[in-house]
Protein backbone atom coordinates (compact mmCIF):
# COMPACT_ATOMS: atom_id res chain seq x y z
CA MET A 1 83.44 70.78 77.99
CA SER A 2 86.06 69.63 75.47
CA GLY A 3 89.80 70.26 75.89
CA PRO A 4 89.93 73.14 73.37
CA ALA A 5 86.81 74.66 74.92
CA ARG A 6 88.33 74.50 78.40
CA ALA A 7 91.51 76.18 77.15
CA ALA A 8 89.53 78.92 75.44
CA HIS A 9 87.48 79.49 78.60
CA SER A 10 90.61 79.80 80.76
CA GLN A 11 92.11 82.27 78.34
CA ASN A 12 88.96 84.40 78.49
CA VAL A 13 88.89 84.57 82.29
CA LEU A 14 90.06 87.93 83.65
CA PRO A 15 92.89 88.05 86.21
CA PRO A 16 91.55 87.23 89.69
CA ALA A 17 91.83 90.75 91.12
CA GLU A 18 90.06 92.21 88.11
CA THR A 19 87.39 89.51 88.27
CA TRP A 20 86.78 90.28 91.96
CA ASN A 21 86.60 94.03 91.40
CA GLN A 22 84.06 93.62 88.61
CA LEU A 23 81.87 91.59 90.98
CA LEU A 24 81.73 94.43 93.54
CA ARG A 25 78.20 95.87 93.50
CA HIS A 26 77.54 99.54 94.25
CA ASP A 27 74.41 98.74 96.24
CA VAL A 28 76.01 95.87 98.20
CA GLU A 29 79.80 95.52 98.69
CA LEU A 30 80.50 99.20 97.95
CA ALA A 31 77.72 100.44 100.24
CA PRO A 32 78.32 101.48 103.90
CA ALA A 33 76.10 98.71 105.25
CA PHE A 34 78.42 96.02 103.88
CA SER A 35 81.51 97.57 105.50
CA ASN A 36 79.66 97.94 108.80
CA GLU A 37 78.58 94.31 108.70
CA LEU A 38 82.05 93.08 107.71
CA ASN A 39 83.68 95.07 110.50
CA ALA A 40 81.18 93.77 113.03
CA ARG A 41 81.92 90.22 111.90
CA MET A 42 85.66 90.78 112.30
CA ARG A 43 85.20 92.17 115.79
CA ALA A 44 83.03 89.19 116.71
CA GLU A 45 85.79 86.88 115.48
CA ARG A 46 88.42 88.78 117.55
CA LEU A 47 90.09 90.12 114.40
CA THR A 48 91.31 93.29 116.03
CA PHE A 49 94.69 94.73 116.92
CA GLY A 50 94.02 96.93 119.89
CA ASP A 51 90.89 98.83 118.83
CA ARG A 52 91.41 98.51 115.07
CA VAL A 53 89.96 95.80 112.86
CA HIS A 54 92.66 94.01 110.93
CA CYS A 55 91.26 94.41 107.47
CA PRO A 56 89.86 97.72 106.16
CA PHE A 57 89.97 96.26 102.62
CA ILE A 58 87.29 94.38 100.72
CA ARG A 59 89.44 92.28 98.42
CA PRO A 60 91.76 89.39 99.28
CA PHE A 61 95.25 88.85 97.91
CA PHE A 62 95.41 86.14 95.25
CA LEU A 63 98.30 83.94 94.25
CA THR A 64 98.51 81.10 91.76
CA ALA A 65 99.58 77.52 92.43
CA ALA A 66 102.76 78.28 90.48
CA ASP A 67 103.45 81.30 92.73
CA GLU A 68 102.83 79.16 95.78
CA GLN A 69 105.28 76.47 94.66
CA ARG A 70 107.94 79.07 93.86
CA VAL A 71 107.53 80.68 97.28
CA ARG A 72 107.51 77.31 99.02
CA GLU A 73 110.79 76.11 97.55
CA ILE A 74 112.68 79.35 98.27
CA ALA A 75 111.23 80.06 101.72
CA GLU A 76 111.85 76.53 102.96
CA ALA A 77 115.43 76.69 101.70
CA ILE A 78 116.07 79.97 103.56
CA ALA A 79 114.52 78.60 106.76
CA ALA A 80 116.76 75.54 106.50
CA LEU A 81 119.77 77.85 106.29
CA GLY A 82 118.55 79.50 109.49
CA GLU A 83 118.61 76.18 111.31
CA ARG A 84 122.08 75.47 109.95
CA VAL A 85 123.41 78.87 111.02
CA VAL A 86 122.13 78.21 114.56
CA LYS A 87 124.02 74.93 114.83
CA GLN A 88 127.19 76.33 113.25
CA SER A 89 127.09 79.48 115.38
CA LEU A 90 126.81 77.58 118.65
CA ALA A 91 129.91 75.61 117.63
CA ASP A 92 131.89 78.55 116.23
CA PRO A 93 132.30 81.72 118.34
CA ARG A 94 133.56 83.66 115.31
CA LEU A 95 130.37 82.96 113.42
CA LEU A 96 128.16 83.59 116.44
CA ALA A 97 129.78 87.02 116.89
CA GLN A 98 128.41 88.03 113.48
CA SER A 99 124.86 87.92 114.86
CA ALA A 100 125.78 90.55 117.49
CA LEU A 101 123.95 88.90 120.39
CA SER A 102 124.24 90.54 123.77
CA PRO A 103 126.02 88.49 126.47
CA GLU A 104 122.68 87.60 128.07
CA GLU A 105 121.16 86.62 124.71
CA GLU A 106 124.13 84.36 124.09
CA ARG A 107 123.80 82.82 127.54
CA LEU A 108 120.15 82.01 126.89
CA ALA A 109 120.89 80.70 123.40
CA ARG A 110 123.41 78.27 124.87
CA ILE A 111 120.85 76.64 127.18
CA ASN A 112 120.12 73.20 125.77
CA PRO A 113 116.41 73.20 124.78
CA GLY A 114 116.31 69.39 124.69
CA TYR A 115 115.63 69.13 120.97
CA ALA A 116 117.24 70.26 117.74
CA THR A 117 114.65 72.46 116.04
CA SER A 118 115.31 76.13 116.72
CA SER A 119 112.22 77.68 115.12
CA THR A 120 109.07 75.58 115.36
CA SER A 121 107.20 78.59 113.97
CA SER A 122 108.77 81.36 111.90
CA ARG A 123 107.89 83.81 109.15
CA LEU A 124 109.81 85.31 106.25
CA ASP A 125 108.70 88.81 105.31
CA ALA A 126 108.94 89.23 101.54
CA PHE A 127 107.70 90.82 98.35
CA LEU A 128 106.33 88.44 95.75
CA LEU A 129 107.19 89.72 92.27
CA PRO A 130 106.44 88.20 88.85
CA ASP A 131 110.05 87.18 88.32
CA SER A 132 111.47 86.99 91.84
CA LEU A 133 110.86 86.75 95.57
CA GLN A 134 112.60 89.46 97.61
CA PHE A 135 113.00 88.94 101.36
CA ALA A 136 113.16 91.85 103.81
CA GLU A 137 113.78 89.94 107.07
CA TYR A 138 113.30 86.69 108.96
CA ASN A 139 111.06 86.57 112.02
CA ALA A 140 112.38 83.40 113.64
CA GLU A 141 110.84 84.02 117.07
CA SER A 142 107.26 82.72 117.28
CA PRO A 143 105.67 85.33 114.99
CA ALA A 144 102.11 86.48 115.47
CA GLY A 145 99.30 86.39 112.95
CA ALA A 146 98.65 82.77 111.94
CA GLY A 147 95.39 82.61 113.89
CA TYR A 148 94.32 85.99 112.56
CA ALA A 149 95.19 85.08 108.97
CA GLU A 150 93.17 81.88 108.86
CA THR A 151 90.18 83.36 110.67
CA LEU A 152 90.15 86.35 108.33
CA ALA A 153 90.24 83.99 105.35
CA GLU A 154 87.25 82.12 106.80
CA VAL A 155 85.29 85.38 107.11
CA PHE A 156 85.97 86.26 103.46
CA ARG A 157 85.27 82.69 102.33
CA THR A 158 81.65 83.06 103.46
CA LEU A 159 80.96 86.38 101.71
CA PRO A 160 78.37 86.23 98.90
CA ILE A 161 80.86 87.82 96.51
CA MET A 162 83.22 84.90 97.12
CA GLU A 163 80.52 82.48 96.00
CA ARG A 164 80.17 84.37 92.72
CA PHE A 165 83.94 84.64 92.34
CA SER A 166 84.14 80.85 92.78
CA HIS A 167 82.18 80.37 89.56
CA GLU A 168 85.30 81.48 87.69
CA TYR A 169 88.10 80.46 90.04
CA SER A 170 88.83 77.58 92.37
CA VAL A 171 89.72 79.01 95.78
CA ARG A 172 91.88 77.45 98.49
CA LYS A 173 92.77 78.84 101.92
CA TYR A 174 95.56 77.72 104.25
CA PRO A 175 94.79 75.60 107.37
CA LEU A 176 97.34 77.55 109.37
CA ILE A 177 96.09 76.82 112.88
CA LYS A 178 95.97 73.06 112.44
CA LEU A 179 99.43 73.07 110.89
CA LEU A 180 100.77 75.23 113.72
CA LEU A 181 99.36 72.82 116.30
CA GLY A 182 100.90 69.91 114.41
CA ALA A 183 104.29 71.60 114.40
CA LEU A 184 104.10 72.30 118.14
CA LEU A 185 103.21 68.67 118.84
CA ASP A 186 106.03 67.45 116.57
CA SER A 187 108.53 69.58 118.48
CA TYR A 188 107.17 68.15 121.73
CA ARG A 189 107.70 64.61 120.43
CA GLU A 190 111.20 65.51 119.23
CA TRP A 191 111.89 66.82 122.73
CA GLY A 192 110.88 63.40 124.06
CA GLY A 193 107.43 64.25 125.36
CA LYS A 194 105.14 61.29 126.07
CA ALA A 195 101.85 62.90 127.14
CA THR A 196 98.99 62.19 124.72
CA PRO A 197 97.83 64.85 124.38
CA PRO A 198 100.16 67.24 126.18
CA VAL A 199 98.85 70.29 128.03
CA ILE A 200 99.83 73.43 126.10
CA ALA A 201 100.27 76.86 127.66
CA ILE A 202 100.30 79.87 125.34
CA VAL A 203 102.36 82.43 127.25
CA ASP A 204 102.64 86.19 126.83
CA TRP A 205 101.82 89.36 128.75
CA ARG A 206 98.06 89.68 129.21
CA GLU A 207 98.13 93.33 128.08
CA VAL A 208 99.58 92.65 124.60
CA PRO A 209 97.27 93.69 121.72
CA THR A 210 97.53 90.18 120.23
CA TRP A 211 95.95 88.44 123.24
CA ASN A 212 92.75 87.93 121.26
CA GLU A 213 94.72 85.82 118.79
CA PHE A 214 95.74 83.53 121.65
CA GLU A 215 92.03 83.09 122.38
CA ILE A 216 91.48 82.11 118.74
CA LEU A 217 94.29 79.54 118.94
CA GLN A 218 93.13 78.20 122.29
CA LYS A 219 89.61 77.61 120.98
CA ARG A 220 90.93 75.73 117.91
CA PHE A 221 93.47 73.69 119.88
CA LEU A 222 90.75 72.64 122.32
CA LYS A 223 88.54 71.66 119.39
CA GLU A 224 91.36 69.41 118.20
CA GLY A 225 91.36 67.70 121.60
CA VAL A 226 94.51 69.34 123.00
CA PRO A 227 94.09 70.95 126.45
CA THR A 228 95.31 74.53 126.18
CA VAL A 229 95.55 77.35 128.70
CA LEU A 230 96.53 81.00 128.34
CA SER A 231 98.95 82.44 130.83
CA ASP A 232 100.88 85.57 131.62
CA PRO A 233 104.53 84.76 132.54
CA ARG A 234 103.86 86.36 135.92
CA ASP A 235 101.22 83.74 136.67
CA LEU A 236 103.43 80.72 135.98
CA VAL A 237 104.62 78.68 138.96
CA PHE A 238 107.60 76.33 138.96
CA GLU A 239 107.61 73.94 141.90
CA ASN A 240 108.73 70.37 142.52
CA GLY A 241 110.17 70.23 139.03
CA LYS A 242 106.86 71.07 137.37
CA LEU A 243 105.61 74.16 135.54
CA ILE A 244 102.07 75.11 136.54
CA ALA A 245 99.72 77.42 134.62
CA GLN A 246 96.11 78.07 135.60
CA GLY A 247 96.32 75.14 138.03
CA GLN A 248 97.49 72.66 135.38
CA ARG A 249 100.89 71.09 134.81
CA VAL A 250 102.29 72.32 131.51
CA ASP A 251 103.96 69.90 129.11
CA LEU A 252 104.45 72.21 126.13
CA LEU A 253 104.97 75.95 126.40
CA TYR A 254 104.11 77.86 123.23
CA ARG A 255 106.25 80.92 123.90
CA ARG A 256 104.93 84.17 122.55
CA VAL A 257 106.67 86.32 125.14
CA LEU A 258 109.77 87.75 123.48
CA ILE A 259 113.32 86.93 124.51
CA ASN A 260 113.89 90.68 124.90
CA ASP A 261 111.21 90.71 127.60
CA ILE A 262 112.61 87.61 129.30
CA ILE A 263 115.91 89.49 129.61
CA ALA A 264 114.36 92.82 130.59
CA ARG A 265 111.98 91.32 133.19
CA PRO A 266 113.86 88.35 134.65
CA GLU A 267 111.95 88.09 137.92
CA GLU A 268 108.59 88.00 136.16
CA CYS A 269 109.87 85.32 133.75
CA SER A 270 111.81 83.29 136.31
CA ALA A 271 109.38 80.33 136.43
CA LEU A 272 109.38 80.07 132.64
CA LEU A 273 113.16 80.19 132.45
CA LYS A 274 113.73 77.72 135.29
CA ALA A 275 111.35 75.20 133.73
CA TYR A 276 113.08 75.57 130.36
CA SER A 277 116.66 75.45 131.62
CA THR A 278 116.03 72.36 133.78
CA GLY A 279 114.29 70.49 130.97
CA ALA A 280 110.99 70.36 132.85
CA VAL A 281 109.03 71.62 129.86
CA CYS A 282 109.30 71.68 126.09
CA MET A 283 109.32 75.27 124.89
CA ALA A 284 108.73 76.40 121.33
CA ASN A 285 110.34 78.37 119.96
CA SER A 286 113.52 77.54 121.82
CA LEU A 287 115.77 80.41 122.86
CA THR A 288 118.30 79.44 120.19
CA CYS A 289 115.97 81.05 117.65
CA LYS A 290 117.42 84.43 118.60
CA ILE A 291 120.39 83.77 116.34
CA PRO A 292 118.53 83.76 112.97
CA HIS A 293 115.93 86.21 114.32
CA LYS A 294 118.53 88.97 114.41
CA LYS A 295 118.50 91.22 111.33
CA ALA A 296 122.21 90.37 111.05
CA PHE A 297 121.18 86.88 109.90
CA PHE A 298 121.01 88.29 106.37
CA ALA A 299 124.52 89.69 106.87
CA VAL A 300 125.71 86.19 107.77
CA LEU A 301 124.11 84.86 104.59
CA THR A 302 125.46 87.55 102.25
CA ASP A 303 129.00 87.97 103.63
CA GLU A 304 131.63 86.35 101.41
CA GLN A 305 133.63 85.26 104.45
CA ASN A 306 130.87 82.69 105.15
CA SER A 307 130.60 81.31 101.61
CA ALA A 308 132.03 77.93 102.65
CA LEU A 309 128.93 77.34 104.79
CA PHE A 310 126.76 77.15 101.70
CA SER A 311 126.72 75.13 98.50
CA ALA A 312 127.01 76.79 95.09
CA SER A 313 123.25 76.50 94.56
CA GLU A 314 122.55 77.97 98.01
CA ARG A 315 124.89 80.88 97.33
CA GLU A 316 123.01 81.58 94.11
CA LEU A 317 119.67 81.40 95.92
CA ILE A 318 120.96 83.87 98.53
CA LYS A 319 122.21 86.21 95.81
CA GLN A 320 118.84 86.21 94.05
CA HIS A 321 116.53 86.57 97.04
CA ILE A 322 118.39 88.00 100.07
CA PRO A 323 119.41 91.68 100.12
CA TRP A 324 123.08 92.48 100.69
CA THR A 325 123.30 93.25 104.42
CA ARG A 326 126.00 94.24 106.89
CA LEU A 327 126.27 95.12 110.56
CA LEU A 328 126.89 98.85 110.58
CA ALA A 329 130.45 99.74 111.55
CA ASP A 330 133.24 102.03 110.44
CA THR A 331 135.14 99.13 108.94
CA LYS A 332 136.22 97.46 105.73
CA THR A 333 134.01 94.95 103.98
CA THR A 334 133.91 93.18 100.62
CA ARG A 335 131.39 92.78 97.86
CA ASP A 336 131.96 90.75 94.71
CA GLY A 337 135.62 90.52 95.64
CA GLU A 338 136.09 94.28 96.05
CA SER A 339 137.17 95.74 99.40
CA PHE A 340 135.93 99.15 100.58
CA GLY A 341 134.91 101.19 103.62
CA LEU A 342 131.40 100.22 104.63
CA LEU A 343 130.38 103.50 106.27
CA GLU A 344 131.36 105.67 103.33
CA TYR A 345 129.78 103.16 100.93
CA VAL A 346 126.32 103.35 102.53
CA ARG A 347 126.62 107.09 103.19
CA ARG A 348 127.11 107.78 99.47
CA ARG A 349 124.38 105.35 98.43
CA ARG A 350 121.57 106.65 100.62
CA ASP A 351 118.90 105.89 97.98
CA ASP A 352 119.95 102.23 97.92
CA PHE A 353 119.92 101.34 101.63
CA VAL A 354 117.75 100.81 104.70
CA LEU A 355 119.07 101.25 108.25
CA LYS A 356 117.50 98.92 110.82
CA PRO A 357 118.02 98.04 114.49
CA ASN A 358 119.45 94.54 114.71
CA ASP A 359 116.58 93.44 116.91
CA GLU A 360 113.28 95.33 116.78
CA TYR A 361 109.85 94.70 115.31
CA GLY A 362 106.93 96.67 113.92
CA GLY A 363 109.18 98.95 111.89
CA THR A 364 110.64 100.54 115.04
CA GLY A 365 113.71 102.63 114.27
CA VAL A 366 113.81 101.80 110.56
CA HIS A 367 115.21 104.52 108.27
CA LEU A 368 114.50 104.27 104.54
CA GLY A 369 117.45 106.08 102.98
CA TRP A 370 115.51 107.21 99.92
CA GLU A 371 112.96 108.92 102.19
CA ASN A 372 115.68 110.73 104.19
CA SER A 373 117.55 113.88 103.27
CA GLU A 374 121.34 113.66 103.12
CA SER A 375 121.66 115.25 106.56
CA GLU A 376 118.93 113.03 108.05
CA TRP A 377 120.67 109.92 106.71
CA ASP A 378 124.07 111.01 108.05
CA THR A 379 122.55 111.75 111.44
CA ALA A 380 120.83 108.36 111.56
CA LEU A 381 124.06 106.57 110.68
CA GLN A 382 126.03 108.46 113.34
CA LYS A 383 123.43 107.79 116.03
CA ALA A 384 123.44 104.09 115.14
CA LEU A 385 127.23 103.96 115.29
CA ALA A 386 127.21 105.70 118.67
CA ALA A 387 124.70 103.29 120.20
CA THR A 388 126.57 101.24 122.77
CA ASP A 389 123.68 99.03 123.85
CA SER A 390 122.47 97.86 120.44
CA ALA A 391 123.69 96.94 116.98
CA TRP A 392 122.31 98.15 113.67
CA VAL A 393 122.35 96.77 110.15
CA VAL A 394 122.36 98.40 106.73
CA GLN A 395 120.48 96.49 104.07
CA GLU A 396 120.27 97.07 100.36
CA ARG A 397 116.95 98.33 99.04
CA ILE A 398 114.82 95.63 97.45
CA LYS A 399 112.10 95.70 94.84
CA THR A 400 108.59 95.87 96.24
CA ARG A 401 105.12 95.06 95.02
CA ARG A 402 102.14 97.38 94.82
CA GLU A 403 98.51 96.64 93.94
CA VAL A 404 95.29 98.59 93.96
CA PHE A 405 92.79 97.48 96.61
CA PRO A 406 89.27 98.71 97.46
CA MET A 407 89.62 100.23 100.93
CA GLN A 408 87.17 101.53 103.50
CA THR A 409 87.66 105.25 104.14
CA PRO A 410 85.56 107.96 105.84
CA ASN A 411 84.39 108.89 102.33
CA GLY A 412 83.33 105.38 101.42
CA ILE A 413 85.16 102.72 99.42
CA GLU A 414 88.14 104.08 97.51
CA MET A 415 90.63 102.31 95.26
CA ARG A 416 94.04 102.71 96.90
CA ASP A 417 97.50 101.83 95.61
CA MET A 418 99.09 99.76 98.39
CA LEU A 419 102.43 98.17 99.20
CA VAL A 420 101.92 94.39 99.43
CA ASP A 421 104.05 92.57 102.01
CA PHE A 422 103.77 88.81 101.52
CA ALA A 423 105.11 86.76 104.44
CA PRO A 424 105.14 82.96 104.28
CA TYR A 425 104.87 81.06 107.57
CA ILE A 426 107.34 78.23 108.08
CA PHE A 427 106.36 75.56 110.60
CA ARG A 428 109.26 73.19 111.33
CA GLY A 429 110.81 73.90 107.97
CA LYS A 430 107.65 73.60 105.86
CA MET A 431 105.64 76.46 104.39
CA ALA A 432 102.17 76.43 105.92
CA GLY A 433 100.57 79.60 104.52
CA CYS A 434 101.16 83.31 104.67
CA LEU A 435 100.43 86.66 106.27
CA THR A 436 99.68 89.44 103.77
CA ARG A 437 99.82 93.06 104.88
CA LEU A 438 99.12 96.27 102.98
CA SER A 439 100.44 99.75 103.57
CA SER A 440 100.40 103.11 101.84
CA THR A 441 103.89 103.81 103.24
CA GLY A 442 107.24 102.08 102.79
CA LEU A 443 106.65 99.92 105.89
CA ALA A 444 104.06 97.16 105.96
CA ASN A 445 103.21 95.94 109.44
CA VAL A 446 100.24 96.00 111.76
CA THR A 447 101.97 97.88 114.57
CA SER A 448 102.81 100.84 112.31
CA GLY A 449 99.25 101.10 111.02
CA GLY A 450 99.26 98.74 108.09
CA GLY A 451 96.26 96.57 107.32
CA GLN A 452 95.93 92.85 106.67
CA VAL A 453 94.10 90.94 103.95
CA PRO A 454 93.40 87.22 103.62
CA SER A 455 95.29 85.28 100.96
CA PHE A 456 93.93 82.56 98.71
CA VAL A 457 95.48 80.27 96.12
CA VAL A 458 93.30 80.54 93.01
CA GLU A 459 93.21 78.91 89.59
CA PRO A 460 90.78 79.52 86.68
CA LYS A 461 88.07 76.90 86.45
CA SER A 462 87.67 74.93 83.26
């Protein structure tokens, strides 16, 4: 095909979502048998959260190579700022105080992990828009979903409709699991580990609904030749300077148990913590990751008092992509050089703000001001101010993205308008792929009932 012919062909190709939807057949993909088979396949591949399959939708999310590059540059820059804030905070008590860590969280964060990287694995939750990328928060503490995301993409990659779609578009998925393993091994080497290969223990409570993802990761890590065991923190043993899991000495602990649980259940996590604090094991993520994991991290980035920490170009990047955020308090603050009372400011601008706990996940405790009445918003603010055991942040409302997706319902496949949460994974500072979640509400996460779709980078074929 000649150059002009290729250009004309590309111009005639429909957008990827429209192309996919036109390929859906009433007697195949839109029929109940297809959904039943797809759901059975997901269950067989452990793609469930509790009893629910991850993906009740029958279309992936598509992004272009240009979108991918734009996301990569911005997300990697924000993650780099997270690592910088960790180092600066540990050296500057004034800056560390802005993250509102509890005394025990600070104590754990000050334990030397034996290597410099705070977040081996992290994820930025965002909304990808045509002209911008808007971040909602930074999950710097070993986020879930990478194993699910790649496995789900593999399921969709083998569907007959994907073969027909590939006649018009090139399709690329992300090798998330291999990149995650590589990042874990790189952190182990940075720590000074010599075992080749090291024994990895993936550690979390056995009753968590994401345990099946650990089984996915274990299977892939073993396939790559890296011995990997799964362990509950309660089953770990620390003796003679060694951490033991399932009868094996552990070299590298992939920590999925949350720092909140380590603090709340110290006896059950004592072996893990002793091994970490004595340098007997490399643990990723290290406990220093709690600093950027706090929702107040965005307050650190957007507060003018910290502007000297960032270059002019970084300050501009923050302004464009990070929502204005503050720890909630009845105090004065500044914005664009203007000083005002924070509490009254957010009270009067209910439609423009979100109220969040400084350290929760799954949408727990989040109040969307525009969905609250005036009295509900005032009550939420007062309760947050009165909380003596936790901090809260107020964050400016950001633009979101919505798309129509074909969704399984009790009445068959229906086209539903969904909120699209696009969350790039960052492994040791490099974007490795993404988690994409859909929701009909203002919150997009699996724990609050949202669904997941696979993501592919696509380009029209010539």
